[in-house]
């Protein structure tokens, strides 16, 4: 009888640990997700800024032919 209880305790402990890991991972992902979208927004903003700067540079360097 004690053997069965020990096995049950081990299983419930393992289930508890797995559940805890899942909760921590989901909480971590919930906190990381806004940071990831911020990183993406920053990359896009920098790319637009660089593209605008490059287009201004190419416009200013062209000489009118005529």
PDB file of N, CA and C in Angstrom:
ATOM      1  N   UNK A   1       0.818  -1.186   0.000  1.00  0.00           N
ATOM      2  CA  UNK A   1       0.000   0.000   0.000  1.00  0.00           C
ATOM      3  C   UNK A   1       0.872   1.265   0.000  1.00  0.00           C
ATOM      4  N   UNK A   2       1.935   1.261   0.796  1.00  0.00           N
ATOM      5  CA  UNK A   2       2.823   2.419   0.843  1.00  0.00           C
ATOM      6  C   UNK A   2       3.480   2.647  -0.510  1.00  0.00           C
ATOM      7  N   UNK A   3       3.787   1.561  -1.203  1.00  0.00           N
ATOM      8  CA  UNK A   3       4.424   1.659  -2.521  1.00  0.00           C
ATOM      9  C   UNK A   3       3.511   2.399  -3.502  1.00  0.00           C
ATOM     10  N   UNK A   4       2.236   2.075  -3.498  1.00  0.00           N
ATOM     11  CA  UNK A   4       1.286   2.728  -4.403  1.00  0.00           C
ATOM     12  C   UNK A   4       1.166   4.212  -4.078  1.00  0.00           C
ATOM     13  N   UNK A   5       1.149   4.540  -2.805  1.00  0.00           N
ATOM     14  CA  UNK A   5       1.060   5.947  -2.411  1.00  0.00           C
ATOM     15  C   UNK A   5       2.297   6.729  -2.857  1.00  0.00           C
ATOM     16  N   UNK A   6       3.450   6.093  -2.744  1.00  0.00           N
ATOM     17  CA  UNK A   6       4.681   6.755  -3.175  1.00  0.00           C
ATOM     18  C   UNK A   6       4.647   7.010  -4.678  1.00  0.00           C
ATOM     19  N   UNK A   7       4.182   6.019  -5.424  1.00  0.00           N
ATOM     20  CA  UNK A   7       4.084   6.180  -6.879  1.00  0.00           C
ATOM     21  C   UNK A   7       3.102   7.300  -7.212  1.00  0.00           C
ATOM     22  N   UNK A   8       1.974   7.329  -6.530  1.00  0.00           N
ATOM     23  CA  UNK A   8       1.000   8.394  -6.752  1.00  0.00           C
ATOM     24  C   UNK A   8       1.592   9.754  -6.411  1.00  0.00           C
ATOM     25  N   UNK A   9       2.347   9.803  -5.322  1.00  0.00           N
ATOM     26  CA  UNK A   9       2.979  11.062  -4.933  1.00  0.00           C
ATOM     27  C   UNK A   9       3.977  11.521  -5.984  1.00  0.00           C
ATOM     28  N   UNK A  10       4.735  10.573  -6.531  1.00  0.00           N
ATOM     29  CA  UNK A  10       5.707  10.932  -7.564  1.00  0.00           C
ATOM     30  C   UNK A  10       5.008  11.446  -8.808  1.00  0.00           C
ATOM     31  N   UNK A  11       3.926  10.772  -9.187  1.00  0.00           N
ATOM     32  CA  UNK A  11       3.188  11.191 -10.374  1.00  0.00           C
ATOM     33  C   UNK A  11       2.575  12.569 -10.153  1.00  0.00           C
ATOM     34  N   UNK A  12       1.970  12.762  -9.000  1.00  0.00           N
ATOM     35  CA  UNK A  12       1.353  14.064  -8.755  1.00  0.00           C
ATOM     36  C   UNK A  12       2.419  15.151  -8.653  1.00  0.00           C
ATOM     37  N   UNK A  13       3.572  14.833  -8.112  1.00  0.00           N
ATOM     38  CA  UNK A  13       4.670  15.806  -8.041  1.00  0.00           C
ATOM     39  C   UNK A  13       5.152  16.157  -9.449  1.00  0.00           C
ATOM     40  N   UNK A  14       5.269  15.157 -10.306  1.00  0.00           N
ATOM     41  CA  UNK A  14       5.689  15.382 -11.685  1.00  0.00           C
ATOM     42  C   UNK A  14       4.649  16.232 -12.418  1.00  0.00           C
ATOM     43  N   UNK A  15       3.375  15.903 -12.224  1.00  0.00           N
ATOM     44  CA  UNK A  15       2.312  16.688 -12.855  1.00  0.00           C
ATOM     45  C   UNK A  15       2.342  18.128 -12.353  1.00  0.00           C
ATOM     46  N   UNK A  16       2.571  18.279 -11.074  1.00  0.00           N
ATOM     47  CA  UNK A  16       2.649  19.611 -10.480  1.00  0.00           C
ATOM     48  C   UNK A  16       3.811  20.400 -11.086  1.00  0.00           C
ATOM     49  N   UNK A  17       4.961  19.768 -11.207  1.00  0.00           N
ATOM     50  CA  UNK A  17       6.137  20.424 -11.786  1.00  0.00           C
ATOM     51  C   UNK A  17       5.889  20.805 -13.247  1.00  0.00           C
ATOM     52  N   UNK A  18       5.254  19.887 -13.998  1.00  0.00           N
ATOM     53  CA  UNK A  18       4.943  20.174 -15.400  1.00  0.00           C
ATOM     54  C   UNK A  18       3.981  21.351 -15.515  1.00  0.00           C
ATOM     55  N   UNK A  19       2.977  21.347 -14.661  1.00  0.00           N
ATOM     56  CA  UNK A  19       2.004  22.434 -14.664  1.00  0.00           C
ATOM     57  C   UNK A  19       2.685  23.753 -14.321  1.00  0.00           C
ATOM     58  N   UNK A  20       3.542  23.722 -13.344  1.00  0.00           N
ATOM     59  CA  UNK A  20       4.272  24.918 -12.936  1.00  0.00           C
ATOM     60  C   UNK A  20       5.145  25.443 -14.073  1.00  0.00           C
ATOM     61  N   UNK A  21       5.823  24.541 -14.761  1.00  0.00           N
ATOM     62  CA  UNK A  21       6.660  24.942 -15.897  1.00  0.00           C
ATOM     63  C   UNK A  21       5.821  25.593 -16.993  1.00  0.00           C
ATOM     64  N   UNK A  22       4.663  24.990 -17.283  1.00  0.00           N
ATOM     65  CA  UNK A  22       3.785  25.554 -18.314  1.00  0.00           C
ATOM     66  C   UNK A  22       3.308  26.948 -17.926  1.00  0.00           C
ATOM     67  N   UNK A  23       2.933  27.109 -16.668  1.00  0.00           N
ATOM     68  CA  UNK A  23       2.469  28.415 -16.208  1.00  0.00           C
ATOM     69  C   UNK A  23       3.569  29.466 -16.297  1.00  0.00           C
ATOM     70  N   UNK A  24       4.768  29.086 -15.880  1.00  0.00           N
ATOM     71  CA  UNK A  24       5.885  30.022 -15.956  1.00  0.00           C
ATOM     72  C   UNK A  24       6.198  30.393 -17.398  1.00  0.00           C
ATOM     73  N   UNK A  25       6.152  29.403 -18.272  1.00  0.00           N
ATOM     74  CA  UNK A  25       6.441  29.654 -19.681  1.00  0.00           C
ATOM     75  C   UNK A  25       5.388  30.565 -20.290  1.00  0.00           C
ATOM     76  N   UNK A  26       4.123  30.324 -19.980  1.00  0.00           N
ATOM     77  CA  UNK A  26       3.069  31.166 -20.547  1.00  0.00           C
ATOM     78  C   UNK A  26       3.153  32.583 -19.985  1.00  0.00           C
ATOM     79  N   UNK A  27       3.472  32.712 -18.707  1.00  0.00           N
ATOM     80  CA  UNK A  27       3.619  34.046 -18.117  1.00  0.00           C
ATOM     81  C   UNK A  27       4.814  34.763 -18.740  1.00  0.00           C
ATOM     82  N   UNK A  28       5.889  34.037 -18.956  1.00  0.00           N
ATOM     83  CA  UNK A  28       7.084  34.612 -19.583  1.00  0.00           C
ATOM     84  C   UNK A  28       6.763  35.065 -20.999  1.00  0.00           C
ATOM     85  N   UNK A  29       6.075  34.206 -21.762  1.00  0.00           N
ATOM     86  CA  UNK A  29       5.727  34.555 -23.138  1.00  0.00           C
ATOM     87  C   UNK A  29       4.797  35.759 -23.184  1.00  0.00           C
ATOM     88  N   UNK A  30       3.902  35.852 -22.219  1.00  0.00           N
ATOM     89  CA  UNK A  30       2.988  36.993 -22.180  1.00  0.00           C
ATOM     90  C   UNK A  30       3.757  38.289 -21.942  1.00  0.00           C
ATOM     91  N   UNK A  31       4.824  38.221 -21.187  1.00  0.00           N
ATOM     92  CA  UNK A  31       5.623  39.414 -20.932  1.00  0.00           C
ATOM     93  C   UNK A  31       6.578  39.709 -22.082  1.00  0.00           C
ATOM     94  N   UNK A  32       7.036  38.678 -22.766  1.00  0.00           N
ATOM     95  CA  UNK A  32       8.007  38.861 -23.844  1.00  0.00           C
ATOM     96  C   UNK A  32       7.330  39.328 -25.129  1.00  0.00           C
ATOM     97  N   UNK A  33       6.104  38.922 -25.357  1.00  0.00           N
ATOM     98  CA  UNK A  33       5.418  39.236 -26.608  1.00  0.00           C
ATOM     99  C   UNK A  33       5.374  40.736 -26.905  1.00  0.00           C
ATOM    100  N   UNK A  34       5.008  41.586 -25.952  1.00  0.00           N
ATOM    101  CA  UNK A  34       5.033  43.027 -26.257  1.00  0.00           C
ATOM    102  C   UNK A  34       6.437  43.529 -26.595  1.00  0.00           C
ATOM    103  N   UNK A  35       7.447  42.958 -25.981  1.00  0.00           N
ATOM    104  CA  UNK A  35       8.813  43.366 -26.283  1.00  0.00           C
ATOM    105  C   UNK A  35       9.187  42.979 -27.706  1.00  0.00           C
ATOM    106  N   UNK A  36       8.728  41.811 -28.136  1.00  0.00           N
ATOM    107  CA  UNK A  36       9.021  41.365 -29.496  1.00  0.00           C
ATOM    108  C   UNK A  36       8.350  42.287 -30.510  1.00  0.00           C
ATOM    109  N   UNK A  37       7.105  42.686 -30.250  1.00  0.00           N
ATOM    110  CA  UNK A  37       6.425  43.566 -31.189  1.00  0.00           C
ATOM    111  C   UNK A  37       7.071  44.942 -31.192  1.00  0.00           C
ATOM    112  N   UNK A  38       7.575  45.381 -30.052  1.00  0.00           N
ATOM    113  CA  UNK A  38       8.298  46.653 -29.984  1.00  0.00           C
ATOM    114  C   UNK A  38       9.579  46.582 -30.807  1.00  0.00           C
ATOM    115  N   UNK A  39      10.263  45.449 -30.719  1.00  0.00           N
ATOM    116  CA  UNK A  39      11.492  45.254 -31.485  1.00  0.00           C
ATOM    117  C   UNK A  39      11.194  45.302 -32.984  1.00  0.00           C
ATOM    118  N   UNK A  40      10.094  44.662 -33.388  1.00  0.00           N
ATOM    119  CA  UNK A  40       9.698  44.654 -34.793  1.00  0.00           C
ATOM    120  C   UNK A  40       9.347  46.062 -35.248  1.00  0.00           C
ATOM    121  N   UNK A  41       8.605  46.791 -34.419  1.00  0.00           N
ATOM    122  CA  UNK A  41       8.229  48.161 -34.770  1.00  0.00           C
ATOM    123  C   UNK A  41       9.464  49.035 -34.905  1.00  0.00           C
ATOM    124  N   UNK A  42      10.427  48.838 -34.030  1.00  0.00           N
ATOM    125  CA  UNK A  42      11.665  49.618 -34.091  1.00  0.00           C
ATOM    126  C   UNK A  42      12.419  49.315 -35.376  1.00  0.00           C
ATOM    127  N   UNK A  43      12.482  48.041 -35.741  1.00  0.00           N
ATOM    128  CA  UNK A  43      13.166  47.668 -36.987  1.00  0.00           C
ATOM    129  C   UNK A  43      12.486  48.315 -38.196  1.00  0.00           C
ATOM    130  N   UNK A  44      11.156  48.276 -38.211  1.00  0.00           N
ATOM    131  CA  UNK A  44      10.423  48.859 -39.334  1.00  0.00           C
ATOM    132  C   UNK A  44      10.631  50.364 -39.396  1.00  0.00           C
ATOM    133  N   UNK A  45      10.586  51.021 -38.247  1.00  0.00           N
ATOM    134  CA  UNK A  45      10.775  52.467 -38.199  1.00  0.00           C
ATOM    135  C   UNK A  45      12.171  52.841 -38.685  1.00  0.00           C
ATOM    136  N   UNK A  46      13.172  52.093 -38.251  1.00  0.00           N
ATOM    137  CA  UNK A  46      14.543  52.371 -38.694  1.00  0.00           C
ATOM    138  C   UNK A  46      14.702  52.144 -40.187  1.00  0.00           C
ATOM    139  N   UNK A  47      14.052  51.098 -40.697  1.00  0.00           N
ATOM    140  CA  UNK A  47      14.131  50.810 -42.131  1.00  0.00           C
ATOM    141  C   UNK A  47      13.484  51.931 -42.941  1.00  0.00           C
ATOM    142  N   UNK A  48      12.331  52.437 -42.478  1.00  0.00           N
ATOM    143  CA  UNK A  48      11.676  53.544 -43.181  1.00  0.00           C
ATOM    144  C   UNK A  48      12.543  54.802 -43.150  1.00  0.00           C
ATOM    145  N   UNK A  49      13.144  55.048 -42.005  1.00  0.00           N
ATOM    146  CA  UNK A  49      14.000  56.230 -41.853  1.00  0.00           C
ATOM    147  C   UNK A  49      15.207  56.128 -42.789  1.00  0.00           C
ATOM    148  N   UNK A  50      15.787  54.936 -42.847  1.00  0.00           N
ATOM    149  CA  UNK A  50      16.950  54.718 -43.714  1.00  0.00           C
ATOM    150  C   UNK A  50      16.556  54.874 -45.183  1.00  0.00           C
ATOM    151  N   UNK A  51      15.390  54.317 -45.544  1.00  0.00           N
ATOM    152  CA  UNK A  51      14.925  54.422 -46.924  1.00  0.00           C
ATOM    153  C   UNK A  51      14.660  55.873 -47.295  1.00  0.00           C
ATOM    154  N   UNK A  52      14.074  56.631 -46.374  1.00  0.00           N
ATOM    155  CA  UNK A  52      13.806  58.046 -46.640  1.00  0.00           C
ATOM    156  C   UNK A  52      15.114  58.815 -46.792  1.00  0.00           C
ATOM    157  N   UNK A  53      16.063  58.506 -45.944  1.00  0.00           N
ATOM    158  CA  UNK A  53      17.360  59.176 -46.011  1.00  0.00           C
ATOM    159  C   UNK A  53      18.056  58.857 -47.334  1.00  0.00           C
ATOM    160  N   UNK A  54      17.990  57.593 -47.746  1.00  0.00           N
ATOM    161  CA  UNK A  54      18.611  57.187 -49.009  1.00  0.00           C
ATOM    162  C   UNK A  54      17.938  57.853 -50.198  1.00  0.00           C
ATOM    163  N   UNK A  55      16.613  57.967 -50.162  1.00  0.00           N
ATOM    164  CA  UNK A  55      15.924  58.586 -51.287  1.00  0.00           C
ATOM    165  C   UNK A  55      16.243  60.076 -51.355  1.00  0.00           C
ATOM    166  N   UNK A  56      16.371  60.751 -50.215  1.00  0.00           N
ATOM    167  CA  UNK A  56      16.764  62.157 -50.200  1.00  0.00           C
ATOM    168  C   UNK A  56      18.183  62.313 -50.739  1.00  0.00           C
ATOM    169  N   UNK A  57      19.045  61.389 -50.370  1.00  0.00           N
ATOM    170  CA  UNK A  57      20.433  61.429 -50.814  1.00  0.00           C
ATOM    171  C   UNK A  57      20.511  61.285 -52.326  1.00  0.00           C
ATOM    172  N   UNK A  58      19.767  60.349 -52.891  1.00  0.00           N
ATOM    173  CA  UNK A  58      19.809  60.133 -54.334  1.00  0.00           C
ATOM    174  C   UNK A  58      19.178  61.303 -55.064  1.00  0.00           C
ATOM    175  N   UNK A  59      18.149  61.940 -54.495  1.00  0.00           N
ATOM    176  CA  UNK A  59      17.516  63.104 -55.140  1.00  0.00           C
ATOM    177  C   UNK A  59      18.479  64.286 -55.165  1.00  0.00           C
ATOM    178  N   UNK A  60      19.200  64.490 -54.084  1.00  0.00           N
ATOM    179  CA  UNK A  60      20.088  65.653 -54.005  1.00  0.00           C
ATOM    180  C   UNK A  60      21.328  65.482 -54.872  1.00  0.00           C
ATOM    181  N   UNK A  61      21.705  64.272 -55.176  1.00  0.00           N
ATOM    182  CA  UNK A  61      22.912  64.037 -55.971  1.00  0.00           C
ATOM    183  C   UNK A  61      22.654  64.012 -57.476  1.00  0.00           C
ATOM    184  N   UNK A  62      21.409  63.935 -57.873  1.00  0.00           N
ATOM    185  CA  UNK A  62      21.134  63.913 -59.308  1.00  0.00           C
ATOM    186  C   UNK A  62      21.180  65.339 -59.856  1.00  0.00           C
ATOM    187  N   UNK A  63      21.766  65.478 -61.006  1.00  0.00           N
ATOM    188  CA  UNK A  63      21.857  66.806 -61.631  1.00  0.00           C
ATOM    189  C   UNK A  63      20.875  66.851 -62.784  1.00  0.00           C
ATOM    190  N   UNK A  64      20.203  67.941 -62.906  1.00  0.00           N
ATOM    191  CA  UNK A  64      19.241  68.025 -64.014  1.00  0.00           C
ATOM    192  C   UNK A  64      19.982  68.096 -65.362  1.00  0.00           C
ATOM    193  N   UNK A  65      19.536  67.282 -66.255  1.00  0.00           N
ATOM    194  CA  UNK A  65      20.182  67.296 -67.573  1.00  0.00           C
ATOM    195  C   UNK A  65      19.396  68.223 -68.480  1.00  0.00           C
ATOM    196  N   UNK A  66      20.081  69.023 -69.215  1.00  0.00           N
ATOM    197  CA  UNK A  66      19.311  69.881 -70.072  1.00  0.00           C
ATOM    198  C   UNK A  66      20.003  71.031 -70.628  1.00  0.00           C
TER     199      UNK A  66
END
